[in-house]
Amino acid sequence: MATQQISTHWLRHTTLTWVERNFGYAVARAYAGHAETTSGDVGATAGYVRASMQELADALSALAGEPHPLGSAVG
């Protein structure tokens, strides 16, 4: 992937940007593993928004194109 200038950081950034644009800030934050508030969070909103497990499952399902058992479109 080095010849195409694609790094794991680029993949993470691109994926999280897509999740944020399609599912919102709270879901992207949780998807990134940043669900817990820390003193280093940027912006006051970070302490108030939370994504549910179903919202995370829906984002993963949409990204992968496969149903997730915890998502809202089961069956």
Protein backbone atom coordinates (compact mmCIF):
# COMPACT_ATOMS: atom_id res chain seq x y z
CA MET A 1 0.00 0.00 0.00
CA ALA A 2 3.02 2.30 0.34
CA THR A 3 3.23 2.78 -3.44
CA GLN A 4 -0.35 4.08 -3.40
CA GLN A 5 0.38 6.26 -0.32
CA ILE A 6 -2.31 4.58 1.77
CA SER A 7 -1.58 4.13 5.46
CA THR A 8 -3.58 2.66 8.33
CA HIS A 9 -4.04 6.23 9.59
CA TRP A 10 -5.53 7.22 6.22
CA LEU A 11 -7.89 4.21 6.29
CA ARG A 12 -9.01 5.06 9.85
CA HIS A 13 -9.49 8.73 8.98
CA THR A 14 -11.45 7.92 5.83
CA THR A 15 -13.65 5.37 7.59
CA LEU A 16 -14.40 7.64 10.54
CA THR A 17 -15.17 10.56 8.24
CA TRP A 18 -17.66 8.38 6.34
CA VAL A 19 -19.27 7.18 9.59
CA GLU A 20 -19.54 10.75 10.87
CA ARG A 21 -21.08 12.05 7.64
CA ASN A 22 -23.62 9.22 7.48
CA PHE A 23 -24.38 8.55 11.14
CA GLY A 24 -23.32 11.66 13.07
CA TYR A 25 -20.66 12.76 15.50
CA ALA A 26 -21.67 10.57 18.45
CA VAL A 27 -21.61 7.38 16.38
CA ALA A 28 -18.25 8.26 14.79
CA ARG A 29 -16.78 9.05 18.20
CA ALA A 30 -17.90 5.71 19.61
CA TYR A 31 -16.90 3.85 16.43
CA ALA A 32 -13.39 5.25 16.90
CA GLY A 33 -13.32 3.96 20.46
CA HIS A 34 -13.57 7.45 21.93
CA ALA A 35 -16.90 6.93 23.66
CA GLU A 36 -15.61 7.79 27.12
CA THR A 37 -15.15 11.46 27.91
CA THR A 38 -11.63 12.50 28.83
CA SER A 39 -10.13 15.85 29.70
CA GLY A 40 -8.52 15.96 26.25
CA ASP A 41 -11.86 16.04 24.36
CA VAL A 42 -12.32 18.89 21.95
CA GLY A 43 -15.52 20.86 22.48
CA ALA A 44 -18.13 20.84 25.19
CA THR A 45 -20.55 18.72 23.13
CA ALA A 46 -18.33 15.64 23.45
CA GLY A 47 -19.46 15.13 27.04
CA TYR A 48 -23.14 15.07 26.10
CA VAL A 49 -23.42 12.90 23.03
CA ARG A 50 -23.57 9.12 23.17
CA ALA A 51 -24.20 6.47 20.53
CA SER A 52 -26.16 3.33 21.29
CA MET A 53 -24.91 -0.14 20.46
CA GLN A 54 -27.66 -0.36 17.83
CA GLU A 55 -26.40 2.83 16.16
CA LEU A 56 -22.87 1.43 16.07
CA ALA A 57 -24.14 -1.87 14.65
CA ASP A 58 -26.10 0.02 11.98
CA ALA A 59 -22.98 1.97 10.97
CA LEU A 60 -20.92 -1.21 10.73
CA SER A 61 -23.67 -2.92 8.77
CA ALA A 62 -23.87 -0.05 6.28
CA LEU A 63 -20.10 0.09 5.88
CA ALA A 64 -19.73 -3.67 5.41
CA GLY A 65 -22.92 -4.19 3.41
CA GLU A 66 -23.89 -7.05 5.72
CA PRO A 67 -26.59 -7.28 8.40
CA HIS A 68 -25.49 -7.11 12.02
CA PRO A 69 -27.41 -9.00 14.73
CA LEU A 70 -27.51 -5.92 16.97
CA GLY A 71 -28.62 -3.57 14.18
CA SER A 72 -32.10 -2.27 13.48
CA ALA A 73 -32.39 -4.04 10.10
CA VAL A 74 -32.14 -7.62 11.40
CA GLY A 75 -33.80 -10.35 9.44
